[in-house]
Every structure is written in structure tokens, then in C-alpha cells.
Amino acid sequence: MTAAHDQTHDLTRVHPGDWIEVWDQNHLRHAGTVSQAAPHLGVLWILEDATGIPKLIPAQDYRLRHAPVTQPA
């Protein structure tokens, strides 16, 4: 795992526009851009890259790899 794609457990650090990989054991299940995060509920909405379909992700059921959006300098 690289510094650019760190595993996250703290959904307060995940924001709309961030890119997320959703892993179940050793299998990549979803990857996409966060559209909404509800840390108090433990869920994220992502727009899946492969299909363009919104997905509700219950964070406690998966491992999340997080790449925050970088702001241009």
C-alpha cells in the first residue's frame, strides 16, 4: 500500500471528490469517486468508475483505500 492510497478507518477524513477503492478480503469490489460521506452513519456514497452507478458503501463491511483529492498549487 502506498502513501498515496492509504487504508482509512476514519470517515471524517473522506470528502466528496476523493477517490476510494473498496476491498472485501483480497478482492477489489468497487472503485470510484466519493459523492457523499456520512461518518456519523458509517457510510459513503461513491460514483463507481467502471459503471457510473452510485453505490452505498457501509464502511464497517469493507477495507477502504483512500486517495484524497489534491488541490493544484
N, C-alpha and C. Protein backbone atom coordinates (compact mmCIF):
# COMPACT_ATOMS: atom_id res chain seq x y z
N MET A 1 0.85 -1.17 0.00
CA MET A 1 0.00 0.00 0.00
C MET A 1 0.90 1.23 0.00
N THR A 2 0.61 2.17 -0.87
CA THR A 2 1.45 3.36 -0.97
C THR A 2 0.91 4.49 -0.13
N ALA A 3 1.72 5.50 0.07
CA ALA A 3 1.28 6.67 0.84
C ALA A 3 0.14 7.38 0.14
N ALA A 4 0.09 7.30 -1.20
CA ALA A 4 -0.97 7.98 -1.95
C ALA A 4 -2.31 7.28 -1.80
N HIS A 5 -2.28 6.01 -1.45
CA HIS A 5 -3.51 5.23 -1.30
C HIS A 5 -3.50 4.54 0.05
N ASP A 6 -3.78 5.27 1.09
CA ASP A 6 -3.74 4.73 2.44
C ASP A 6 -5.07 4.13 2.83
N GLN A 7 -5.00 3.05 3.61
CA GLN A 7 -6.22 2.46 4.15
C GLN A 7 -6.78 3.42 5.20
N THR A 8 -8.09 3.61 5.18
CA THR A 8 -8.70 4.53 6.12
C THR A 8 -9.80 3.84 6.92
N HIS A 9 -9.90 4.24 8.17
CA HIS A 9 -10.98 3.78 9.04
C HIS A 9 -11.80 4.97 9.53
N ASP A 10 -11.26 6.16 9.36
CA ASP A 10 -11.87 7.39 9.86
C ASP A 10 -12.60 8.10 8.73
N LEU A 11 -13.91 7.95 8.66
CA LEU A 11 -14.67 8.54 7.57
C LEU A 11 -14.76 10.06 7.64
N THR A 12 -14.37 10.66 8.76
CA THR A 12 -14.35 12.12 8.82
C THR A 12 -13.24 12.69 7.94
N ARG A 13 -12.31 11.84 7.51
CA ARG A 13 -11.22 12.28 6.62
C ARG A 13 -11.54 12.06 5.15
N VAL A 14 -12.72 11.51 4.86
CA VAL A 14 -13.13 11.24 3.49
C VAL A 14 -14.12 12.33 3.07
N HIS A 15 -13.87 12.90 1.88
CA HIS A 15 -14.67 14.04 1.43
C HIS A 15 -15.13 13.83 -0.01
N PRO A 16 -16.23 14.49 -0.41
CA PRO A 16 -16.66 14.42 -1.81
C PRO A 16 -15.50 14.80 -2.74
N GLY A 17 -15.36 14.01 -3.79
CA GLY A 17 -14.28 14.22 -4.75
C GLY A 17 -13.09 13.31 -4.52
N ASP A 18 -12.95 12.75 -3.30
CA ASP A 18 -11.86 11.81 -3.02
C ASP A 18 -12.11 10.51 -3.79
N TRP A 19 -11.02 9.83 -4.12
CA TRP A 19 -11.12 8.55 -4.81
C TRP A 19 -10.95 7.43 -3.80
N ILE A 20 -11.79 6.39 -3.90
CA ILE A 20 -11.81 5.29 -2.93
C ILE A 20 -11.79 3.95 -3.66
N GLU A 21 -11.02 3.01 -3.13
CA GLU A 21 -11.14 1.59 -3.51
C GLU A 21 -11.80 0.88 -2.35
N VAL A 22 -12.74 -0.01 -2.65
CA VAL A 22 -13.49 -0.76 -1.64
C VAL A 22 -13.10 -2.23 -1.78
N TRP A 23 -12.47 -2.77 -0.73
CA TRP A 23 -11.95 -4.13 -0.75
C TRP A 23 -12.72 -5.02 0.20
N ASP A 24 -12.98 -6.25 -0.23
CA ASP A 24 -13.58 -7.30 0.60
C ASP A 24 -12.57 -8.44 0.62
N GLN A 25 -11.93 -8.63 1.74
CA GLN A 25 -10.81 -9.57 1.89
C GLN A 25 -9.75 -9.20 0.86
N ASN A 26 -9.46 -10.05 -0.12
CA ASN A 26 -8.42 -9.74 -1.11
C ASN A 26 -8.99 -9.37 -2.46
N HIS A 27 -10.25 -8.97 -2.52
CA HIS A 27 -10.91 -8.68 -3.79
C HIS A 27 -11.36 -7.22 -3.84
N LEU A 28 -10.99 -6.55 -4.92
CA LEU A 28 -11.48 -5.19 -5.15
C LEU A 28 -12.94 -5.28 -5.57
N ARG A 29 -13.84 -4.70 -4.80
CA ARG A 29 -15.27 -4.77 -5.09
C ARG A 29 -15.77 -3.55 -5.84
N HIS A 30 -15.29 -2.38 -5.46
CA HIS A 30 -15.72 -1.13 -6.09
C HIS A 30 -14.56 -0.15 -6.07
N ALA A 31 -14.56 0.77 -7.02
CA ALA A 31 -13.61 1.88 -7.02
C ALA A 31 -14.32 3.07 -7.64
N GLY A 32 -14.16 4.23 -7.02
CA GLY A 32 -14.81 5.39 -7.58
C GLY A 32 -14.59 6.63 -6.76
N THR A 33 -15.33 7.65 -7.13
CA THR A 33 -15.22 8.97 -6.52
C THR A 33 -16.32 9.14 -5.48
N VAL A 34 -15.95 9.62 -4.32
CA VAL A 34 -16.92 9.86 -3.24
C VAL A 34 -17.84 11.00 -3.64
N SER A 35 -19.14 10.77 -3.56
CA SER A 35 -20.10 11.85 -3.80
C SER A 35 -20.63 12.40 -2.49
N GLN A 36 -20.78 11.54 -1.48
CA GLN A 36 -21.21 11.97 -0.14
C GLN A 36 -20.60 11.04 0.90
N ALA A 37 -20.32 11.61 2.07
CA ALA A 37 -19.85 10.81 3.20
C ALA A 37 -20.71 11.15 4.41
N ALA A 38 -21.12 10.12 5.13
CA ALA A 38 -21.89 10.30 6.36
C ALA A 38 -21.17 9.54 7.47
N PRO A 39 -20.10 10.15 8.02
CA PRO A 39 -19.32 9.46 9.05
C PRO A 39 -20.14 9.03 10.25
N HIS A 40 -21.12 9.83 10.64
CA HIS A 40 -21.95 9.50 11.80
C HIS A 40 -22.80 8.26 11.56
N LEU A 41 -23.02 7.91 10.29
CA LEU A 41 -23.77 6.69 9.94
C LEU A 41 -22.84 5.56 9.49
N GLY A 42 -21.56 5.88 9.26
CA GLY A 42 -20.60 4.87 8.82
C GLY A 42 -20.75 4.46 7.37
N VAL A 43 -21.25 5.38 6.53
CA VAL A 43 -21.47 5.04 5.12
C VAL A 43 -20.91 6.12 4.19
N LEU A 44 -20.64 5.69 2.96
CA LEU A 44 -20.22 6.57 1.87
C LEU A 44 -21.10 6.30 0.66
N TRP A 45 -21.31 7.31 -0.15
CA TRP A 45 -21.85 7.13 -1.49
C TRP A 45 -20.70 7.38 -2.44
N ILE A 46 -20.47 6.44 -3.37
CA ILE A 46 -19.46 6.66 -4.40
C ILE A 46 -20.12 6.54 -5.77
N LEU A 47 -19.51 7.19 -6.75
CA LEU A 47 -19.89 7.00 -8.15
C LEU A 47 -18.85 6.05 -8.72
N GLU A 48 -19.29 4.82 -8.99
CA GLU A 48 -18.37 3.76 -9.39
C GLU A 48 -17.75 4.06 -10.75
N ASP A 49 -16.42 3.95 -10.83
CA ASP A 49 -15.70 4.24 -12.07
C ASP A 49 -16.12 3.34 -13.23
N ALA A 50 -16.22 2.05 -12.98
CA ALA A 50 -16.46 1.08 -14.05
C ALA A 50 -17.84 1.21 -14.69
N THR A 51 -18.85 1.57 -13.89
CA THR A 51 -20.22 1.57 -14.39
C THR A 51 -20.90 2.93 -14.38
N GLY A 52 -20.37 3.87 -13.59
CA GLY A 52 -21.02 5.17 -13.44
C GLY A 52 -22.23 5.13 -12.54
N ILE A 53 -22.43 4.00 -11.87
CA ILE A 53 -23.59 3.81 -10.99
C ILE A 53 -23.23 4.22 -9.57
N PRO A 54 -24.11 4.97 -8.89
CA PRO A 54 -23.87 5.30 -7.48
C PRO A 54 -23.99 4.04 -6.62
N LYS A 55 -23.10 3.92 -5.64
CA LYS A 55 -23.10 2.77 -4.72
C LYS A 55 -23.06 3.28 -3.29
N LEU A 56 -23.88 2.69 -2.43
CA LEU A 56 -23.84 2.97 -1.00
C LEU A 56 -22.87 1.97 -0.37
N ILE A 57 -21.87 2.47 0.31
CA ILE A 57 -20.82 1.63 0.89
C ILE A 57 -20.89 1.70 2.41
N PRO A 58 -21.31 0.61 3.09
CA PRO A 58 -21.22 0.57 4.55
C PRO A 58 -19.77 0.27 4.94
N ALA A 59 -19.10 1.26 5.48
CA ALA A 59 -17.65 1.17 5.70
C ALA A 59 -17.24 0.04 6.62
N GLN A 60 -18.06 -0.33 7.58
CA GLN A 60 -17.68 -1.38 8.53
C GLN A 60 -17.59 -2.75 7.86
N ASP A 61 -18.17 -2.91 6.67
CA ASP A 61 -18.16 -4.19 5.98
C ASP A 61 -16.96 -4.38 5.06
N TYR A 62 -16.16 -3.33 4.85
CA TYR A 62 -15.09 -3.36 3.85
C TYR A 62 -13.82 -2.70 4.38
N ARG A 63 -12.72 -2.92 3.64
CA ARG A 63 -11.49 -2.15 3.83
C ARG A 63 -11.48 -1.08 2.76
N LEU A 64 -11.19 0.14 3.13
CA LEU A 64 -11.20 1.26 2.20
C LEU A 64 -9.79 1.77 1.97
N ARG A 65 -9.41 1.93 0.71
CA ARG A 65 -8.16 2.59 0.36
C ARG A 65 -8.52 3.96 -0.19
N HIS A 66 -7.93 4.98 0.38
CA HIS A 66 -8.35 6.37 0.19
C HIS A 66 -7.25 7.17 -0.48
N ALA A 67 -7.60 7.91 -1.52
CA ALA A 67 -6.68 8.84 -2.15
C ALA A 67 -7.35 10.21 -2.16
N PRO A 68 -7.01 11.07 -1.19
CA PRO A 68 -7.64 12.39 -1.13
C PRO A 68 -7.38 13.19 -2.39
N VAL A 69 -8.31 14.07 -2.72
CA VAL A 69 -8.15 14.97 -3.85
C VAL A 69 -7.02 15.94 -3.51
N THR A 70 -6.12 16.12 -4.45
CA THR A 70 -5.04 17.09 -4.24
C THR A 70 -5.43 18.40 -4.89
N GLN A 71 -5.19 19.47 -4.19
CA GLN A 71 -5.50 20.80 -4.71
C GLN A 71 -4.32 21.29 -5.54
N PRO A 72 -4.59 21.89 -6.73
CA PRO A 72 -3.48 22.41 -7.53
C PRO A 72 -2.75 23.53 -6.79
N ALA A 73 -1.44 23.59 -7.00
CA ALA A 73 -0.62 24.61 -6.31
C ALA A 73 -0.74 25.97 -6.96
